[in-house]
């Protein structure tokens, strides 16, 4: 259960990293670049978490794969929601 708590605590940081990358890296067709930039930011957060947990998370391939999959799922969800919004909300 401890890992679920850690994962849930990391979620806001992952979202913040995604939002920061979306703010600073503009343009279509740059998805991989954006994803890699966000992963780099999340890795910086994980370094702090590692110190607190006294565990090696950055060199754990399962952790890296899971973080990337969570980020991809969040971005996919945001993209779908954005497409489904009425056009009036885009101009608000």
N, C-alpha and C. Protein backbone atom coordinates (compact mmCIF):
# COMPACT_ATOMS: atom_id res chain seq x y z
N UNK A 1 0.81 -1.20 0.00
CA UNK A 1 0.00 0.00 0.00
C UNK A 1 0.85 1.26 0.00
N UNK A 2 2.05 1.17 0.53
CA UNK A 2 2.90 2.36 0.59
C UNK A 2 3.18 2.91 -0.80
N UNK A 3 3.32 2.02 -1.80
CA UNK A 3 3.62 2.47 -3.15
C UNK A 3 2.43 3.20 -3.78
N UNK A 4 1.22 2.78 -3.43
CA UNK A 4 0.04 3.49 -3.94
C UNK A 4 0.03 4.91 -3.41
N UNK A 5 0.34 5.07 -2.14
CA UNK A 5 0.39 6.41 -1.55
C UNK A 5 1.46 7.27 -2.22
N UNK A 6 2.61 6.69 -2.49
CA UNK A 6 3.69 7.42 -3.16
C UNK A 6 3.23 7.82 -4.56
N UNK A 7 2.62 6.89 -5.27
CA UNK A 7 2.13 7.17 -6.63
C UNK A 7 1.11 8.29 -6.64
N UNK A 8 0.19 8.26 -5.70
CA UNK A 8 -0.84 9.31 -5.63
C UNK A 8 -0.23 10.66 -5.25
N UNK A 9 0.78 10.64 -4.43
CA UNK A 9 1.44 11.90 -4.06
C UNK A 9 2.23 12.47 -5.25
N UNK A 10 2.72 11.60 -6.12
CA UNK A 10 3.48 12.06 -7.29
C UNK A 10 2.59 12.61 -8.39
N UNK A 11 1.33 12.21 -8.42
CA UNK A 11 0.43 12.60 -9.50
C UNK A 11 0.35 14.11 -9.72
N UNK A 12 0.19 14.92 -8.67
CA UNK A 12 0.16 16.37 -8.92
C UNK A 12 1.45 16.91 -9.54
N UNK A 13 2.58 16.32 -9.18
CA UNK A 13 3.85 16.75 -9.76
C UNK A 13 3.92 16.37 -11.24
N UNK A 14 3.44 15.18 -11.56
CA UNK A 14 3.41 14.75 -12.96
C UNK A 14 2.54 15.70 -13.77
N UNK A 15 1.37 16.04 -13.24
CA UNK A 15 0.48 16.99 -13.92
C UNK A 15 1.14 18.35 -14.10
N UNK A 16 1.83 18.81 -13.07
CA UNK A 16 2.54 20.10 -13.16
C UNK A 16 3.61 20.07 -14.24
N UNK A 17 4.32 18.97 -14.34
CA UNK A 17 5.35 18.84 -15.37
C UNK A 17 4.73 18.87 -16.76
N UNK A 18 3.63 18.17 -16.93
CA UNK A 18 2.94 18.16 -18.23
C UNK A 18 2.50 19.57 -18.59
N UNK A 19 1.90 20.26 -17.65
CA UNK A 19 1.40 21.63 -17.90
C UNK A 19 2.56 22.59 -18.23
N UNK A 20 3.65 22.46 -17.53
CA UNK A 20 4.80 23.33 -17.80
C UNK A 20 5.33 23.09 -19.21
N UNK A 21 5.45 21.85 -19.59
CA UNK A 21 5.96 21.53 -20.93
C UNK A 21 4.98 22.04 -21.99
N UNK A 22 3.69 21.85 -21.76
CA UNK A 22 2.68 22.33 -22.72
C UNK A 22 2.74 23.85 -22.86
N UNK A 23 3.10 24.54 -21.79
CA UNK A 23 3.19 26.00 -21.82
C UNK A 23 4.39 26.48 -22.62
N UNK A 24 5.51 25.79 -22.47
CA UNK A 24 6.75 26.29 -23.05
C UNK A 24 7.13 25.67 -24.39
N UNK A 25 6.63 24.50 -24.69
CA UNK A 25 6.94 23.86 -25.98
C UNK A 25 5.65 23.85 -26.79
N UNK A 26 5.60 24.69 -27.77
CA UNK A 26 4.40 24.87 -28.60
C UNK A 26 4.56 24.18 -29.94
N UNK A 27 3.44 23.90 -30.55
CA UNK A 27 3.44 23.38 -31.91
C UNK A 27 3.01 21.93 -32.00
N UNK A 28 2.39 21.64 -33.11
CA UNK A 28 1.95 20.26 -33.38
C UNK A 28 3.14 19.43 -33.85
N UNK A 29 3.01 18.13 -33.64
CA UNK A 29 4.05 17.22 -34.10
C UNK A 29 5.26 17.16 -33.18
N UNK A 30 5.13 17.72 -32.00
CA UNK A 30 6.27 17.72 -31.07
C UNK A 30 5.97 16.87 -29.83
N UNK A 31 5.06 15.92 -29.99
CA UNK A 31 4.62 15.09 -28.87
C UNK A 31 5.75 14.35 -28.17
N UNK A 32 6.61 13.74 -28.94
CA UNK A 32 7.72 12.97 -28.35
C UNK A 32 8.67 13.91 -27.61
N UNK A 33 8.94 15.05 -28.20
CA UNK A 33 9.81 16.04 -27.56
C UNK A 33 9.20 16.51 -26.24
N UNK A 34 7.89 16.78 -26.26
CA UNK A 34 7.20 17.22 -25.05
C UNK A 34 7.22 16.13 -23.98
N UNK A 35 6.94 14.91 -24.41
CA UNK A 35 6.92 13.78 -23.47
C UNK A 35 8.28 13.60 -22.81
N UNK A 36 9.34 13.65 -23.61
CA UNK A 36 10.68 13.48 -23.07
C UNK A 36 11.06 14.62 -22.12
N UNK A 37 10.63 15.84 -22.44
CA UNK A 37 10.90 16.97 -21.55
C UNK A 37 10.17 16.79 -20.22
N UNK A 38 8.92 16.35 -20.29
CA UNK A 38 8.15 16.14 -19.05
C UNK A 38 8.75 15.01 -18.23
N UNK A 39 9.20 13.96 -18.90
CA UNK A 39 9.85 12.85 -18.18
C UNK A 39 11.09 13.35 -17.46
N UNK A 40 11.85 14.20 -18.11
CA UNK A 40 13.04 14.77 -17.47
C UNK A 40 12.69 15.55 -16.22
N UNK A 41 11.60 16.30 -16.29
CA UNK A 41 11.16 17.06 -15.12
C UNK A 41 10.70 16.12 -14.00
N UNK A 42 9.97 15.08 -14.36
CA UNK A 42 9.51 14.11 -13.36
C UNK A 42 10.70 13.41 -12.72
N UNK A 43 11.73 13.13 -13.49
CA UNK A 43 12.92 12.49 -12.93
C UNK A 43 13.55 13.37 -11.85
N UNK A 44 13.52 14.68 -12.07
CA UNK A 44 14.05 15.59 -11.04
C UNK A 44 13.24 15.46 -9.75
N UNK A 45 11.93 15.33 -9.88
CA UNK A 45 11.06 15.14 -8.70
C UNK A 45 11.38 13.79 -8.04
N UNK A 46 11.56 12.76 -8.86
CA UNK A 46 11.84 11.43 -8.32
C UNK A 46 13.16 11.39 -7.54
N UNK A 47 14.11 12.23 -7.91
CA UNK A 47 15.36 12.28 -7.16
C UNK A 47 15.09 12.67 -5.71
N UNK A 48 14.20 13.60 -5.52
CA UNK A 48 13.85 14.03 -4.16
C UNK A 48 13.11 12.91 -3.43
N UNK A 49 12.20 12.26 -4.12
CA UNK A 49 11.44 11.16 -3.51
C UNK A 49 12.38 10.03 -3.14
N UNK A 50 13.33 9.75 -4.01
CA UNK A 50 14.32 8.70 -3.73
C UNK A 50 15.02 8.93 -2.40
N UNK A 51 15.43 10.15 -2.19
CA UNK A 51 16.16 10.48 -0.97
C UNK A 51 15.28 10.23 0.26
N UNK A 52 14.00 10.59 0.16
CA UNK A 52 13.09 10.40 1.28
C UNK A 52 12.76 8.95 1.55
N UNK A 53 12.68 8.14 0.51
CA UNK A 53 12.32 6.73 0.65
C UNK A 53 13.53 5.83 0.81
N UNK A 54 14.71 6.38 0.52
CA UNK A 54 15.94 5.60 0.53
C UNK A 54 15.83 4.39 -0.41
N UNK A 55 15.28 4.66 -1.60
CA UNK A 55 15.15 3.62 -2.63
C UNK A 55 15.59 4.19 -3.97
N UNK A 56 16.09 3.31 -4.82
CA UNK A 56 16.55 3.71 -6.14
C UNK A 56 15.39 3.60 -7.13
N UNK A 57 14.69 4.71 -7.37
CA UNK A 57 13.56 4.72 -8.29
C UNK A 57 13.97 5.06 -9.71
N UNK A 58 14.94 5.93 -9.87
CA UNK A 58 15.32 6.40 -11.19
C UNK A 58 15.92 5.32 -12.06
N UNK A 59 16.56 4.36 -11.45
CA UNK A 59 17.18 3.28 -12.21
C UNK A 59 16.31 2.04 -12.28
N UNK A 60 15.05 2.18 -11.90
CA UNK A 60 14.10 1.08 -11.94
C UNK A 60 13.28 1.20 -13.23
N UNK A 61 13.49 0.27 -14.13
CA UNK A 61 12.82 0.34 -15.44
C UNK A 61 11.30 0.28 -15.30
N UNK A 62 10.80 -0.49 -14.33
CA UNK A 62 9.35 -0.57 -14.13
C UNK A 62 8.78 0.78 -13.72
N UNK A 63 9.49 1.50 -12.84
CA UNK A 63 9.04 2.83 -12.41
C UNK A 63 9.05 3.79 -13.59
N UNK A 64 10.13 3.79 -14.36
CA UNK A 64 10.23 4.68 -15.52
C UNK A 64 9.12 4.39 -16.54
N UNK A 65 8.87 3.12 -16.79
CA UNK A 65 7.83 2.75 -17.75
C UNK A 65 6.46 3.17 -17.23
N UNK A 66 6.20 2.95 -15.95
CA UNK A 66 4.90 3.31 -15.37
C UNK A 66 4.68 4.82 -15.39
N UNK A 67 5.71 5.59 -15.08
CA UNK A 67 5.59 7.06 -15.10
C UNK A 67 5.27 7.53 -16.52
N UNK A 68 5.96 6.98 -17.49
CA UNK A 68 5.71 7.36 -18.89
C UNK A 68 4.27 6.99 -19.29
N UNK A 69 3.81 5.81 -18.89
CA UNK A 69 2.46 5.39 -19.24
C UNK A 69 1.40 6.27 -18.58
N UNK A 70 1.63 6.66 -17.34
CA UNK A 70 0.70 7.56 -16.66
C UNK A 70 0.65 8.90 -17.39
N UNK A 71 1.80 9.42 -17.75
CA UNK A 71 1.85 10.69 -18.48
C UNK A 71 1.12 10.59 -19.81
N UNK A 72 1.34 9.51 -20.54
CA UNK A 72 0.67 9.33 -21.82
C UNK A 72 -0.84 9.25 -21.64
N UNK A 73 -1.28 8.56 -20.61
CA UNK A 73 -2.72 8.45 -20.35
C UNK A 73 -3.32 9.80 -19.98
N UNK A 74 -2.62 10.58 -19.16
CA UNK A 74 -3.12 11.90 -18.78
C UNK A 74 -3.22 12.83 -19.98
N UNK A 75 -2.21 12.82 -20.82
CA UNK A 75 -2.22 13.67 -22.01
C UNK A 75 -3.33 13.22 -22.96
N UNK A 76 -3.50 11.93 -23.14
CA UNK A 76 -4.56 11.42 -24.00
C UNK A 76 -5.93 11.84 -23.48
N UNK A 77 -6.13 11.76 -22.17
CA UNK A 77 -7.39 12.17 -21.57
C UNK A 77 -7.63 13.66 -21.78
N UNK A 78 -6.61 14.47 -21.54
CA UNK A 78 -6.74 15.91 -21.76
C UNK A 78 -7.07 16.23 -23.21
N UNK A 79 -6.45 15.54 -24.15
CA UNK A 79 -6.71 15.77 -25.57
C UNK A 79 -8.15 15.41 -25.94
N UNK A 80 -8.63 14.30 -25.41
CA UNK A 80 -10.00 13.88 -25.71
C UNK A 80 -11.00 14.87 -25.12
N UNK A 81 -10.78 15.28 -23.89
CA UNK A 81 -11.68 16.24 -23.25
C UNK A 81 -11.68 17.55 -24.02
N UNK A 82 -10.51 18.00 -24.46
CA UNK A 82 -10.42 19.25 -25.21
C UNK A 82 -11.20 19.16 -26.52
N UNK A 83 -11.15 18.02 -27.18
CA UNK A 83 -11.88 17.85 -28.44
C UNK A 83 -13.39 17.82 -28.23
N UNK A 84 -13.82 17.36 -27.06
CA UNK A 84 -15.24 17.20 -26.78
C UNK A 84 -15.88 18.48 -26.25
N UNK A 85 -15.09 19.46 -25.89
CA UNK A 85 -15.64 20.70 -25.33
C UNK A 85 -16.35 21.49 -26.42
N UNK A 86 -17.46 22.12 -26.05
CA UNK A 86 -18.13 22.99 -27.02
C UNK A 86 -17.20 24.12 -27.44
N UNK A 87 -17.35 24.55 -28.66
CA UNK A 87 -16.49 25.62 -29.21
C UNK A 87 -16.58 26.91 -28.43
N UNK A 88 -17.73 27.19 -27.79
CA UNK A 88 -17.88 28.42 -27.02
C UNK A 88 -16.89 28.48 -25.86
N UNK A 89 -16.56 27.32 -25.29
CA UNK A 89 -15.64 27.30 -24.16
C UNK A 89 -14.21 27.61 -24.59
N UNK A 90 -13.88 27.33 -25.85
CA UNK A 90 -12.53 27.62 -26.33
C UNK A 90 -12.23 29.11 -26.33
N UNK A 91 -13.23 29.93 -26.50
CA UNK A 91 -13.03 31.38 -26.58
C UNK A 91 -13.19 32.07 -25.24
N UNK A 92 -13.49 31.32 -24.20
CA UNK A 92 -13.72 31.94 -22.87
C UNK A 92 -12.44 32.39 -22.24
